[in-house]
Amino acid sequence: MKKLNRVNSKGITLIELLVALVICGVVIAGIYRVFVAQSKAYTVQDQVVEVQQGIRSAMEILLRDLRMAGYDSDGTTSKISIANPILVGDHSATVSYEYDDTHRHDITYSLMNGSLTRQLTIFPDVGPSTTTTDTLLENVDVLNFEYGVDTNDDGAMDGSWVSAGGIGAGKVVAVRVVLTAKPDQTNPDVKNWVSPRTLTSAVTLRNQCF
C-alpha cells in the first residue's frame, strides 16, 4: 500500500494567539494610560488659564471703579455731591462717584459665599435708589484691601500701605488689592493638582490726589 503524504499547512496555534492578544492588550493599555494622562493635563491647564483670566478680568473691573472714587464734575447743572469718596475695609470697599448730573453711583466690592461680588446702588437726585448685585468671580479665597494715605495734603502717598484701621485722619489716595482664587473644585484632578492663583494690583485714586 502506498502511504499518503501529509500536507504541511501553516497556521496560528492557540498559544501564539494568546501571546498576541496579551501583547495587544499591553499596548492598548499603555496608549490608554497616555491618553488619560494627557487628558488630565489638558483639563488642569485649561482650568489654570480660566482662573487666571477670570482674576485679571475681575481685577480690571475693580480697579476701574476705584479710579472713579470721588469723581464730581462740579458743573453748574450738577445736582450731585460726593461726601464719602471711599468707605474702607480690610475685606471690602465702597467707592462713590458722580455718574452724571442727576445720579450718584455707590459700588461695593466684597466676598459673599466664596464669590467676589459687585453691588451697584444708583442714587438719583429725586426718587428712590436701586441696587443690583453681580458675581464677578467664583471660588475666591482672599480679597484684601490696603490703603495709601496722604497725611500732609501734598497729594502723594505717605509711607507704606496700611490696613483700614491704620488710616486715621489721613486721606486715602491709593489702594492695593490682593485677590486669590482657585479653579472649580468639583473636578478631583484640578482639586489635587492646581493651587490657588493670586493677583496683586495697586491703583492711585486720581480724584483724591489734589
N, C-alpha and C. Protein backbone atom coordinates (compact mmCIF):
# COMPACT_ATOMS: atom_id res chain seq x y z
N MET A 1 0.84 -1.19 0.00
CA MET A 1 0.00 0.00 0.00
C MET A 1 0.88 1.25 0.00
N LYS A 2 0.42 2.22 -0.69
CA LYS A 2 1.16 3.47 -0.73
C LYS A 2 0.75 4.36 0.45
N LYS A 3 1.76 4.92 1.04
CA LYS A 3 1.49 5.84 2.15
C LYS A 3 1.15 7.22 1.61
N LEU A 4 0.11 7.81 2.25
CA LEU A 4 -0.30 9.16 1.84
C LEU A 4 0.64 10.19 2.45
N ASN A 5 1.12 11.09 1.64
CA ASN A 5 1.98 12.18 2.13
C ASN A 5 1.12 13.24 2.83
N ARG A 6 1.54 13.58 4.06
CA ARG A 6 0.84 14.63 4.82
C ARG A 6 1.21 16.01 4.26
N VAL A 7 0.18 16.79 4.09
CA VAL A 7 0.41 18.13 3.58
C VAL A 7 0.68 19.07 4.77
N ASN A 8 1.84 19.75 4.77
CA ASN A 8 2.19 20.71 5.84
C ASN A 8 1.42 22.01 5.61
N SER A 9 0.46 22.28 6.52
CA SER A 9 -0.32 23.54 6.43
C SER A 9 0.13 24.50 7.51
N LYS A 10 0.38 25.76 7.10
CA LYS A 10 0.81 26.78 8.04
C LYS A 10 -0.40 27.43 8.70
N GLY A 11 -0.28 27.79 10.01
CA GLY A 11 -1.37 28.41 10.75
C GLY A 11 -0.88 28.96 12.08
N ILE A 12 -1.82 29.44 12.89
CA ILE A 12 -1.52 30.01 14.20
C ILE A 12 -2.03 29.08 15.27
N THR A 13 -1.16 28.76 16.16
CA THR A 13 -1.58 27.89 17.26
C THR A 13 -2.31 28.73 18.31
N LEU A 14 -2.99 28.07 19.21
CA LEU A 14 -3.73 28.75 20.27
C LEU A 14 -2.79 29.52 21.19
N ILE A 15 -1.63 28.97 21.46
CA ILE A 15 -0.66 29.64 22.32
C ILE A 15 -0.18 30.93 21.66
N GLU A 16 0.12 30.88 20.38
CA GLU A 16 0.55 32.08 19.67
C GLU A 16 -0.54 33.14 19.66
N LEU A 17 -1.78 32.71 19.52
CA LEU A 17 -2.90 33.65 19.54
C LEU A 17 -3.02 34.34 20.90
N LEU A 18 -2.88 33.55 21.96
CA LEU A 18 -2.97 34.10 23.30
C LEU A 18 -1.83 35.10 23.57
N VAL A 19 -0.64 34.76 23.11
CA VAL A 19 0.50 35.67 23.28
C VAL A 19 0.26 36.99 22.53
N ALA A 20 -0.26 36.89 21.32
CA ALA A 20 -0.55 38.09 20.53
C ALA A 20 -1.61 38.95 21.21
N LEU A 21 -2.62 38.30 21.78
CA LEU A 21 -3.66 39.04 22.48
C LEU A 21 -3.10 39.76 23.70
N VAL A 22 -2.22 39.10 24.43
CA VAL A 22 -1.62 39.72 25.60
C VAL A 22 -0.78 40.95 25.20
N ILE A 23 0.01 40.80 24.14
CA ILE A 23 0.83 41.92 23.68
C ILE A 23 -0.05 43.10 23.24
N CYS A 24 -1.12 42.79 22.50
CA CYS A 24 -2.04 43.85 22.06
C CYS A 24 -2.69 44.54 23.26
N GLY A 25 -3.06 43.73 24.27
CA GLY A 25 -3.66 44.29 25.47
C GLY A 25 -2.72 45.23 26.19
N VAL A 26 -1.45 44.84 26.28
CA VAL A 26 -0.46 45.70 26.94
C VAL A 26 -0.27 47.00 26.17
N VAL A 27 -0.20 46.93 24.86
CA VAL A 27 -0.03 48.12 24.04
C VAL A 27 -1.24 49.04 24.17
N ILE A 28 -2.45 48.48 24.11
CA ILE A 28 -3.66 49.28 24.23
C ILE A 28 -3.75 49.94 25.60
N ALA A 29 -3.38 49.17 26.65
CA ALA A 29 -3.40 49.73 27.99
C ALA A 29 -2.42 50.89 28.13
N GLY A 30 -1.25 50.75 27.52
CA GLY A 30 -0.27 51.84 27.55
C GLY A 30 -0.77 53.08 26.84
N ILE A 31 -1.37 52.88 25.66
CA ILE A 31 -1.93 54.00 24.91
C ILE A 31 -3.03 54.68 25.70
N TYR A 32 -3.87 53.89 26.37
CA TYR A 32 -4.97 54.45 27.16
C TYR A 32 -4.44 55.27 28.33
N ARG A 33 -3.40 54.77 29.00
CA ARG A 33 -2.82 55.50 30.13
C ARG A 33 -2.24 56.84 29.66
N VAL A 34 -1.59 56.83 28.51
CA VAL A 34 -1.05 58.08 27.98
C VAL A 34 -2.18 59.05 27.64
N PHE A 35 -3.25 58.51 27.04
CA PHE A 35 -4.40 59.35 26.70
C PHE A 35 -5.02 59.98 27.95
N VAL A 36 -5.21 59.18 29.00
CA VAL A 36 -5.80 59.68 30.24
C VAL A 36 -4.90 60.75 30.87
N ALA A 37 -3.59 60.50 30.88
CA ALA A 37 -2.66 61.47 31.45
C ALA A 37 -2.69 62.79 30.67
N GLN A 38 -2.71 62.69 29.36
CA GLN A 38 -2.76 63.90 28.53
C GLN A 38 -4.09 64.64 28.72
N SER A 39 -5.17 63.88 28.87
CA SER A 39 -6.47 64.50 29.09
C SER A 39 -6.52 65.25 30.41
N LYS A 40 -5.95 64.65 31.46
CA LYS A 40 -5.90 65.32 32.76
C LYS A 40 -5.03 66.57 32.70
N ALA A 41 -3.90 66.45 32.02
CA ALA A 41 -3.00 67.61 31.90
C ALA A 41 -3.69 68.75 31.16
N TYR A 42 -4.44 68.42 30.11
CA TYR A 42 -5.15 69.45 29.35
C TYR A 42 -6.22 70.10 30.22
N THR A 43 -6.96 69.28 30.99
CA THR A 43 -8.01 69.81 31.86
C THR A 43 -7.42 70.75 32.90
N VAL A 44 -6.33 70.33 33.51
CA VAL A 44 -5.68 71.15 34.53
C VAL A 44 -5.21 72.47 33.94
N GLN A 45 -4.54 72.40 32.79
CA GLN A 45 -4.03 73.62 32.16
C GLN A 45 -5.16 74.54 31.75
N ASP A 46 -6.25 73.96 31.25
CA ASP A 46 -7.40 74.76 30.85
C ASP A 46 -8.00 75.49 32.04
N GLN A 47 -8.08 74.80 33.18
CA GLN A 47 -8.63 75.42 34.39
C GLN A 47 -7.70 76.51 34.92
N VAL A 48 -6.40 76.29 34.82
CA VAL A 48 -5.44 77.31 35.26
C VAL A 48 -5.60 78.58 34.43
N VAL A 49 -5.68 78.41 33.13
CA VAL A 49 -5.84 79.58 32.25
C VAL A 49 -7.16 80.28 32.54
N GLU A 50 -8.21 79.50 32.76
CA GLU A 50 -9.52 80.09 33.00
C GLU A 50 -9.54 80.92 34.28
N VAL A 51 -8.96 80.38 35.36
CA VAL A 51 -8.97 81.12 36.63
C VAL A 51 -8.08 82.35 36.54
N GLN A 52 -6.96 82.26 35.84
CA GLN A 52 -6.09 83.43 35.68
C GLN A 52 -6.78 84.53 34.89
N GLN A 53 -7.47 84.16 33.83
CA GLN A 53 -8.20 85.15 33.04
C GLN A 53 -9.33 85.75 33.86
N GLY A 54 -9.99 84.90 34.66
CA GLY A 54 -11.08 85.40 35.50
C GLY A 54 -10.60 86.41 36.53
N ILE A 55 -9.45 86.12 37.15
CA ILE A 55 -8.89 87.05 38.13
C ILE A 55 -8.51 88.37 37.47
N ARG A 56 -7.87 88.30 36.31
CA ARG A 56 -7.47 89.53 35.62
C ARG A 56 -8.68 90.37 35.23
N SER A 57 -9.73 89.72 34.73
CA SER A 57 -10.93 90.46 34.31
C SER A 57 -11.61 91.11 35.51
N ALA A 58 -11.75 90.34 36.60
CA ALA A 58 -12.38 90.90 37.80
C ALA A 58 -11.56 92.05 38.36
N MET A 59 -10.25 91.89 38.38
CA MET A 59 -9.39 92.94 38.91
C MET A 59 -9.47 94.20 38.06
N GLU A 60 -9.56 94.06 36.76
CA GLU A 60 -9.64 95.23 35.88
C GLU A 60 -10.92 96.02 36.15
N ILE A 61 -12.03 95.31 36.33
CA ILE A 61 -13.29 96.00 36.63
C ILE A 61 -13.21 96.70 37.98
N LEU A 62 -12.63 96.01 38.97
CA LEU A 62 -12.49 96.59 40.30
C LEU A 62 -11.63 97.85 40.28
N LEU A 63 -10.49 97.79 39.60
CA LEU A 63 -9.60 98.94 39.54
C LEU A 63 -10.23 100.10 38.78
N ARG A 64 -11.00 99.79 37.76
CA ARG A 64 -11.68 100.85 37.01
C ARG A 64 -12.63 101.63 37.92
N ASP A 65 -13.36 100.91 38.76
CA ASP A 65 -14.27 101.60 39.68
C ASP A 65 -13.50 102.38 40.74
N LEU A 66 -12.40 101.81 41.22
CA LEU A 66 -11.60 102.52 42.22
C LEU A 66 -11.07 103.85 41.67
N ARG A 67 -10.68 103.86 40.42
CA ARG A 67 -10.16 105.09 39.81
C ARG A 67 -11.21 106.20 39.79
N MET A 68 -12.48 105.80 39.79
CA MET A 68 -13.55 106.79 39.73
C MET A 68 -13.93 107.34 41.10
N ALA A 69 -13.36 106.80 42.17
CA ALA A 69 -13.74 107.21 43.52
C ALA A 69 -13.59 108.71 43.70
N GLY A 70 -14.67 109.34 44.16
CA GLY A 70 -14.64 110.77 44.44
C GLY A 70 -14.86 111.68 43.26
N TYR A 71 -15.11 111.11 42.08
CA TYR A 71 -15.31 111.98 40.91
C TYR A 71 -16.57 112.84 41.10
N ASP A 72 -16.41 114.13 40.90
CA ASP A 72 -17.51 115.08 40.99
C ASP A 72 -17.24 116.16 39.95
N SER A 73 -18.14 116.29 39.00
CA SER A 73 -17.91 117.21 37.89
C SER A 73 -17.92 118.67 38.33
N ASP A 74 -18.61 118.97 39.44
CA ASP A 74 -18.72 120.36 39.93
C ASP A 74 -19.30 121.29 38.87
N GLY A 75 -20.05 120.72 37.93
CA GLY A 75 -20.67 121.54 36.90
C GLY A 75 -21.83 122.35 37.45
N THR A 76 -22.18 123.39 36.75
CA THR A 76 -23.28 124.26 37.20
C THR A 76 -24.63 123.55 37.16
N THR A 77 -24.73 122.52 36.31
CA THR A 77 -26.00 121.79 36.20
C THR A 77 -26.03 120.54 37.09
N SER A 78 -24.93 120.24 37.75
CA SER A 78 -24.86 119.03 38.57
C SER A 78 -25.64 119.18 39.87
N LYS A 79 -26.39 118.17 40.19
CA LYS A 79 -27.16 118.13 41.43
C LYS A 79 -26.60 117.10 42.40
N ILE A 80 -25.40 116.62 42.12
CA ILE A 80 -24.79 115.55 42.90
C ILE A 80 -23.56 116.07 43.64
N SER A 81 -23.42 115.66 44.88
CA SER A 81 -22.21 115.94 45.65
C SER A 81 -21.74 114.64 46.28
N ILE A 82 -20.42 114.50 46.42
CA ILE A 82 -19.83 113.28 46.96
C ILE A 82 -19.27 113.57 48.34
N ALA A 83 -19.92 113.00 49.35
CA ALA A 83 -19.48 113.23 50.73
C ALA A 83 -18.39 112.27 51.14
N ASN A 84 -18.52 111.00 50.74
CA ASN A 84 -17.55 109.95 51.13
C ASN A 84 -17.06 109.23 49.88
N PRO A 85 -15.93 109.65 49.32
CA PRO A 85 -15.42 109.03 48.08
C PRO A 85 -15.16 107.53 48.22
N ILE A 86 -14.67 107.12 49.40
CA ILE A 86 -14.38 105.71 49.59
C ILE A 86 -14.61 105.33 51.04
N LEU A 87 -15.34 104.24 51.24
CA LEU A 87 -15.54 103.66 52.56
C LEU A 87 -14.65 102.43 52.64
N VAL A 88 -13.71 102.45 53.57
CA VAL A 88 -12.65 101.44 53.58
C VAL A 88 -13.00 100.26 54.47
N GLY A 89 -12.41 99.14 54.12
CA GLY A 89 -12.49 97.91 54.92
C GLY A 89 -11.33 97.03 54.52
N ASP A 90 -10.99 96.09 55.40
CA ASP A 90 -9.88 95.19 55.07
C ASP A 90 -10.27 94.17 54.01
N HIS A 91 -11.55 93.79 53.96
CA HIS A 91 -12.00 92.77 53.01
C HIS A 91 -13.17 93.24 52.15
N SER A 92 -13.43 94.53 52.19
CA SER A 92 -14.45 95.12 51.33
C SER A 92 -14.15 96.61 51.18
N ALA A 93 -14.71 97.19 50.14
CA ALA A 93 -14.52 98.62 49.92
C ALA A 93 -15.69 99.14 49.10
N THR A 94 -16.07 100.39 49.40
CA THR A 94 -17.16 101.03 48.67
C THR A 94 -16.68 102.36 48.11
N VAL A 95 -16.86 102.54 46.82
CA VAL A 95 -16.48 103.81 46.18
C VAL A 95 -17.74 104.54 45.75
N SER A 96 -17.65 105.86 45.77
CA SER A 96 -18.78 106.69 45.41
C SER A 96 -18.32 107.75 44.42
N TYR A 97 -19.10 107.96 43.36
CA TYR A 97 -18.75 108.98 42.38
C TYR A 97 -19.99 109.45 41.63
N GLU A 98 -19.86 110.60 41.01
CA GLU A 98 -20.94 111.15 40.21
C GLU A 98 -20.96 110.49 38.84
N TYR A 99 -22.09 109.90 38.51
CA TYR A 99 -22.22 109.26 37.20
C TYR A 99 -22.63 110.27 36.14
N ASP A 100 -23.61 111.09 36.49
CA ASP A 100 -23.99 112.23 35.64
C ASP A 100 -24.58 113.31 36.54
N ASP A 101 -25.17 114.32 35.97
CA ASP A 101 -25.63 115.46 36.75
C ASP A 101 -26.72 115.12 37.76
N THR A 102 -27.39 113.98 37.57
CA THR A 102 -28.52 113.66 38.43
C THR A 102 -28.42 112.29 39.10
N HIS A 103 -27.27 111.61 38.97
CA HIS A 103 -27.14 110.28 39.56
C HIS A 103 -25.77 110.09 40.21
N ARG A 104 -25.78 109.46 41.38
CA ARG A 104 -24.56 109.06 42.07
C ARG A 104 -24.50 107.54 42.12
N HIS A 105 -23.32 107.00 41.86
CA HIS A 105 -23.13 105.56 41.93
C HIS A 105 -22.29 105.20 43.16
N ASP A 106 -22.79 104.28 43.95
CA ASP A 106 -22.03 103.69 45.05
C ASP A 106 -21.80 102.22 44.71
N ILE A 107 -20.53 101.79 44.70
CA ILE A 107 -20.20 100.43 44.30
C ILE A 107 -19.41 99.77 45.43
N THR A 108 -19.92 98.63 45.87
CA THR A 108 -19.28 97.89 46.96
C THR A 108 -18.73 96.56 46.44
N TYR A 109 -17.46 96.31 46.73
CA TYR A 109 -16.84 95.03 46.41
C TYR A 109 -16.65 94.26 47.71
N SER A 110 -17.07 93.00 47.71
CA SER A 110 -16.95 92.18 48.91
C SER A 110 -17.02 90.71 48.54
N LEU A 111 -16.72 89.86 49.52
CA LEU A 111 -16.84 88.42 49.35
C LEU A 111 -18.18 87.96 49.88
N MET A 112 -18.87 87.14 49.09
CA MET A 112 -20.17 86.61 49.50
C MET A 112 -20.23 85.13 49.11
N ASN A 113 -20.19 84.27 50.12
CA ASN A 113 -20.24 82.82 49.88
C ASN A 113 -19.15 82.35 48.92
N GLY A 114 -17.95 82.88 49.12
CA GLY A 114 -16.82 82.46 48.29
C GLY A 114 -16.76 83.08 46.92
N SER A 115 -17.56 84.11 46.67
CA SER A 115 -17.56 84.77 45.36
C SER A 115 -17.30 86.26 45.53
N LEU A 116 -16.60 86.83 44.57
CA LEU A 116 -16.38 88.28 44.54
C LEU A 116 -17.62 88.92 43.93
N THR A 117 -18.27 89.80 44.71
CA THR A 117 -19.50 90.43 44.25
C THR A 117 -19.30 91.93 44.07
N ARG A 118 -20.03 92.47 43.12
CA ARG A 118 -20.04 93.91 42.84
C ARG A 118 -21.48 94.40 43.01
N GLN A 119 -21.70 95.18 44.04
CA GLN A 119 -23.04 95.70 44.31
C GLN A 119 -23.10 97.17 43.92
N LEU A 120 -23.94 97.46 42.97
CA LEU A 120 -24.11 98.82 42.46
C LEU A 120 -25.42 99.40 42.97
N THR A 121 -25.31 100.54 43.65
CA THR A 121 -26.50 101.27 44.10
C THR A 121 -26.51 102.63 43.41
N ILE A 122 -27.61 102.92 42.73
CA ILE A 122 -27.76 104.17 41.98
C ILE A 122 -28.70 105.09 42.77
N PHE A 123 -28.16 106.27 43.09
CA PHE A 123 -28.93 107.27 43.82
C PHE A 123 -29.27 108.43 42.89
N PRO A 124 -30.53 108.57 42.51
CA PRO A 124 -30.91 109.75 41.71
C PRO A 124 -31.12 110.95 42.62
N ASP A 125 -31.09 112.12 42.05
CA ASP A 125 -31.32 113.32 42.87
C ASP A 125 -32.76 113.38 43.36
N VAL A 126 -33.65 112.71 42.64
CA VAL A 126 -35.05 112.65 43.05
C VAL A 126 -35.53 111.20 42.92
N GLY A 127 -36.21 110.70 43.93
CA GLY A 127 -36.76 109.36 43.86
C GLY A 127 -35.91 108.33 44.58
N PRO A 128 -36.38 107.08 44.63
CA PRO A 128 -35.69 106.03 45.39
C PRO A 128 -34.46 105.51 44.66
N SER A 129 -33.58 104.90 45.42
CA SER A 129 -32.39 104.28 44.86
C SER A 129 -32.69 102.87 44.37
N THR A 130 -31.83 102.36 43.50
CA THR A 130 -31.94 100.98 43.00
C THR A 130 -30.61 100.27 43.19
N THR A 131 -30.68 98.97 43.51
CA THR A 131 -29.46 98.21 43.78
C THR A 131 -29.45 96.93 42.97
N THR A 132 -28.31 96.63 42.36
CA THR A 132 -28.11 95.37 41.65
C THR A 132 -26.79 94.76 42.11
N THR A 133 -26.76 93.44 42.17
CA THR A 133 -25.56 92.73 42.62
C THR A 133 -25.15 91.72 41.56
N ASP A 134 -23.87 91.77 41.16
CA ASP A 134 -23.33 90.85 40.17
C ASP A 134 -22.16 90.06 40.78
N THR A 135 -22.04 88.82 40.36
CA THR A 135 -20.90 87.99 40.75
C THR A 135 -19.83 88.09 39.68
N LEU A 136 -18.67 88.60 40.07
CA LEU A 136 -17.57 88.76 39.10
C LEU A 136 -16.67 87.55 39.03
N LEU A 137 -16.50 86.85 40.15
CA LEU A 137 -15.55 85.73 40.18
C LEU A 137 -15.95 84.77 41.28
N GLU A 138 -15.95 83.47 40.96
CA GLU A 138 -16.29 82.44 41.93
C GLU A 138 -15.02 81.78 42.47
N ASN A 139 -15.21 80.99 43.53
CA ASN A 139 -14.11 80.24 44.17
C ASN A 139 -12.98 81.17 44.61
N VAL A 140 -13.36 82.27 45.24
CA VAL A 140 -12.39 83.25 45.74
C VAL A 140 -12.03 82.91 47.18
N ASP A 141 -10.73 82.83 47.45
CA ASP A 141 -10.24 82.56 48.81
C ASP A 141 -9.92 83.83 49.57
N VAL A 142 -9.35 84.83 48.87
CA VAL A 142 -8.85 86.02 49.55
C VAL A 142 -9.25 87.27 48.77
N LEU A 143 -9.77 88.27 49.49
CA LEU A 143 -9.97 89.61 48.96
C LEU A 143 -9.51 90.58 50.04
N ASN A 144 -8.34 91.16 49.84
CA ASN A 144 -7.76 92.07 50.83
C ASN A 144 -7.53 93.45 50.22
N PHE A 145 -7.81 94.47 51.00
CA PHE A 145 -7.57 95.86 50.60
C PHE A 145 -6.57 96.48 51.57
N GLU A 146 -5.59 97.19 50.99
CA GLU A 146 -4.68 98.01 51.78
C GLU A 146 -4.67 99.41 51.17
N TYR A 147 -4.30 100.38 51.98
CA TYR A 147 -4.52 101.76 51.56
C TYR A 147 -3.26 102.61 51.69
N GLY A 148 -3.09 103.49 50.71
CA GLY A 148 -2.05 104.51 50.77
C GLY A 148 -2.67 105.81 51.25
N VAL A 149 -2.06 106.42 52.27
CA VAL A 149 -2.68 107.57 52.93
C VAL A 149 -1.82 108.81 52.76
N ASP A 150 -2.49 109.94 52.52
CA ASP A 150 -1.84 111.24 52.46
C ASP A 150 -2.18 112.00 53.75
N THR A 151 -1.18 112.26 54.57
CA THR A 151 -1.42 112.92 55.85
C THR A 151 -1.04 114.40 55.85
N ASN A 152 -0.32 114.85 54.81
CA ASN A 152 0.12 116.25 54.79
C ASN A 152 -0.45 117.05 53.62
N ASP A 153 -1.46 116.49 52.99
CA ASP A 153 -2.19 117.19 51.91
C ASP A 153 -1.30 117.60 50.74
N ASP A 154 -0.29 116.78 50.44
CA ASP A 154 0.53 117.08 49.27
C ASP A 154 0.09 116.27 48.05
N GLY A 155 -0.97 115.48 48.20
CA GLY A 155 -1.50 114.70 47.08
C GLY A 155 -0.76 113.43 46.80
N ALA A 156 0.21 113.07 47.66
CA ALA A 156 1.01 111.86 47.45
C ALA A 156 0.87 110.93 48.65
N MET A 157 1.09 109.66 48.39
CA MET A 157 1.01 108.66 49.44
C MET A 157 2.20 108.79 50.38
N ASP A 158 1.93 108.76 51.66
CA ASP A 158 2.97 108.85 52.68
C ASP A 158 3.23 107.47 53.27
N GLY A 159 4.48 107.06 53.32
CA GLY A 159 4.83 105.80 53.98
C GLY A 159 4.37 104.58 53.20
N SER A 160 4.11 103.52 53.92
CA SER A 160 3.77 102.23 53.31
C SER A 160 2.26 102.00 53.37
N TRP A 161 1.85 100.88 52.82
CA TRP A 161 0.43 100.52 52.82
C TRP A 161 -0.03 100.20 54.24
N VAL A 162 -1.27 100.57 54.54
CA VAL A 162 -1.83 100.33 55.86
C VAL A 162 -3.19 99.65 55.71
N SER A 163 -3.62 99.00 56.78
CA SER A 163 -4.94 98.41 56.80
C SER A 163 -5.99 99.48 57.04
N ALA A 164 -7.25 99.09 56.99
CA ALA A 164 -8.32 100.06 57.18
C ALA A 164 -8.23 100.72 58.55
N GLY A 165 -7.80 99.98 59.57
CA GLY A 165 -7.70 100.53 60.91
C GLY A 165 -6.54 101.48 61.11
N GLY A 166 -5.59 101.53 60.16
CA GLY A 166 -4.42 102.37 60.31
C GLY A 166 -4.48 103.67 59.54
N ILE A 167 -5.63 103.99 58.97
CA ILE A 167 -5.74 105.20 58.15
C ILE A 167 -5.79 106.46 59.01
N GLY A 168 -6.51 106.40 60.10
CA GLY A 168 -6.59 107.56 60.98
C GLY A 168 -7.28 108.74 60.31
N ALA A 169 -6.70 109.93 60.49
CA ALA A 169 -7.29 111.14 59.94
C ALA A 169 -6.78 111.46 58.54
N GLY A 170 -5.92 110.60 57.97
CA GLY A 170 -5.37 110.86 56.64
C GLY A 170 -6.40 110.62 55.55
N LYS A 171 -6.05 111.04 54.34
CA LYS A 171 -6.91 110.87 53.17
C LYS A 171 -6.38 109.73 52.32
N VAL A 172 -7.27 108.83 51.93
CA VAL A 172 -6.88 107.69 51.11
C VAL A 172 -6.65 108.17 49.68
N VAL A 173 -5.43 107.95 49.16
CA VAL A 173 -5.11 108.38 47.80
C VAL A 173 -4.70 107.21 46.91
N ALA A 174 -4.59 106.02 47.49
CA ALA A 174 -4.21 104.84 46.70
C ALA A 174 -4.76 103.61 47.39
N VAL A 175 -4.97 102.56 46.60
CA VAL A 175 -5.49 101.30 47.12
C VAL A 175 -4.72 100.15 46.49
N ARG A 176 -4.34 99.19 47.33
CA ARG A 176 -3.74 97.95 46.81
C ARG A 176 -4.69 96.80 47.09
N VAL A 177 -4.92 95.98 46.07
CA VAL A 177 -5.88 94.89 46.16
C VAL A 177 -5.15 93.56 45.96
N VAL A 178 -5.44 92.61 46.85
CA VAL A 178 -4.93 91.25 46.72
C VAL A 178 -6.12 90.32 46.51
N LEU A 179 -6.10 89.61 45.39
CA LEU A 179 -7.22 88.74 45.02
C LEU A 179 -6.69 87.34 44.74
N THR A 180 -7.20 86.36 45.47
CA THR A 180 -6.78 84.97 45.30
C THR A 180 -8.00 84.11 44.98
N ALA A 181 -7.90 83.33 43.92
CA ALA A 181 -9.00 82.45 43.52
C ALA A 181 -8.43 81.12 43.07
N LYS A 182 -9.29 80.12 43.03
CA LYS A 182 -8.88 78.78 42.62
C LYS A 182 -9.88 78.24 41.59
N PRO A 183 -9.49 77.24 40.83
CA PRO A 183 -10.41 76.66 39.84
C PRO A 183 -11.57 75.95 40.52
N ASP A 184 -12.54 75.58 39.71
CA ASP A 184 -13.69 74.82 40.19
C ASP A 184 -13.21 73.53 40.85
N GLN A 185 -13.64 73.29 42.09
CA GLN A 185 -13.14 72.17 42.86
C GLN A 185 -13.94 70.88 42.67
N THR A 186 -14.91 70.88 41.77
CA THR A 186 -15.70 69.67 41.55
C THR A 186 -14.91 68.60 40.81
N ASN A 187 -13.90 69.01 40.05
CA ASN A 187 -13.05 68.05 39.33
C ASN A 187 -11.91 67.64 40.24
N PRO A 188 -11.81 66.34 40.62
CA PRO A 188 -10.75 65.91 41.55
C PRO A 188 -9.35 66.13 41.00
N ASP A 189 -9.18 66.03 39.69
CA ASP A 189 -7.85 66.25 39.10
C ASP A 189 -7.40 67.69 39.34
N VAL A 190 -8.31 68.63 39.13
CA VAL A 190 -7.99 70.03 39.34
C VAL A 190 -7.79 70.31 40.82
N LYS A 191 -8.64 69.72 41.65
CA LYS A 191 -8.56 69.96 43.09
C LYS A 191 -7.23 69.51 43.67
N ASN A 192 -6.71 68.41 43.17
CA ASN A 192 -5.48 67.85 43.73
C ASN A 192 -4.21 68.45 43.15
N TRP A 193 -4.31 69.04 41.97
CA TRP A 193 -3.08 69.45 41.28
C TRP A 193 -2.94 70.96 41.05
N VAL A 194 -4.02 71.71 41.15
CA VAL A 194 -3.95 73.14 40.85
C VAL A 194 -4.05 73.94 42.15
N SER A 195 -3.03 74.73 42.41
CA SER A 195 -3.04 75.58 43.60
C SER A 195 -3.74 76.90 43.27
N PRO A 196 -4.23 77.62 44.28
CA PRO A 196 -4.88 78.91 44.03
C PRO A 196 -3.93 79.90 43.36
N ARG A 197 -4.49 80.82 42.60
CA ARG A 197 -3.72 81.85 41.92
C ARG A 197 -4.00 83.20 42.57
N THR A 198 -2.97 84.02 42.71
CA THR A 198 -3.09 85.31 43.37
C THR A 198 -2.63 86.43 42.45
N LEU A 199 -3.38 87.51 42.42
CA LEU A 199 -3.03 88.70 41.66
C LEU A 199 -3.09 89.90 42.60
N THR A 200 -2.01 90.69 42.61
CA THR A 200 -1.93 91.89 43.43
C THR A 200 -1.78 93.11 42.52
N SER A 201 -2.63 94.10 42.70
CA SER A 201 -2.57 95.32 41.88
C SER A 201 -2.81 96.53 42.78
N ALA A 202 -2.25 97.66 42.34
CA ALA A 202 -2.43 98.91 43.08
C ALA A 202 -2.89 99.99 42.11
N VAL A 203 -3.67 100.91 42.62
CA VAL A 203 -4.21 101.98 41.79
C VAL A 203 -4.20 103.28 42.59
N THR A 204 -3.92 104.37 41.91
CA THR A 204 -3.98 105.70 42.52
C THR A 204 -5.38 106.28 42.33
N LEU A 205 -5.94 106.83 43.39
CA LEU A 205 -7.25 107.46 43.29
C LEU A 205 -7.06 108.89 42.79
N ARG A 206 -7.12 109.04 41.48
CA ARG A 206 -6.74 110.29 40.84
C ARG A 206 -7.60 111.47 41.28
N ASN A 207 -8.83 111.19 41.65
CA ASN A 207 -9.69 112.29 42.08
C ASN A 207 -9.44 112.71 43.52
N GLN A 208 -8.58 111.99 44.22
CA GLN A 208 -8.23 112.32 45.60
C GLN A 208 -6.87 112.98 45.72
N CYS A 209 -6.12 112.96 44.62
CA CYS A 209 -4.74 113.48 44.66
C CYS A 209 -4.70 114.95 44.26
N PHE A 210 -5.32 115.77 45.05
CA PHE A 210 -5.26 117.22 44.81
C PHE A 210 -5.55 117.93 46.11
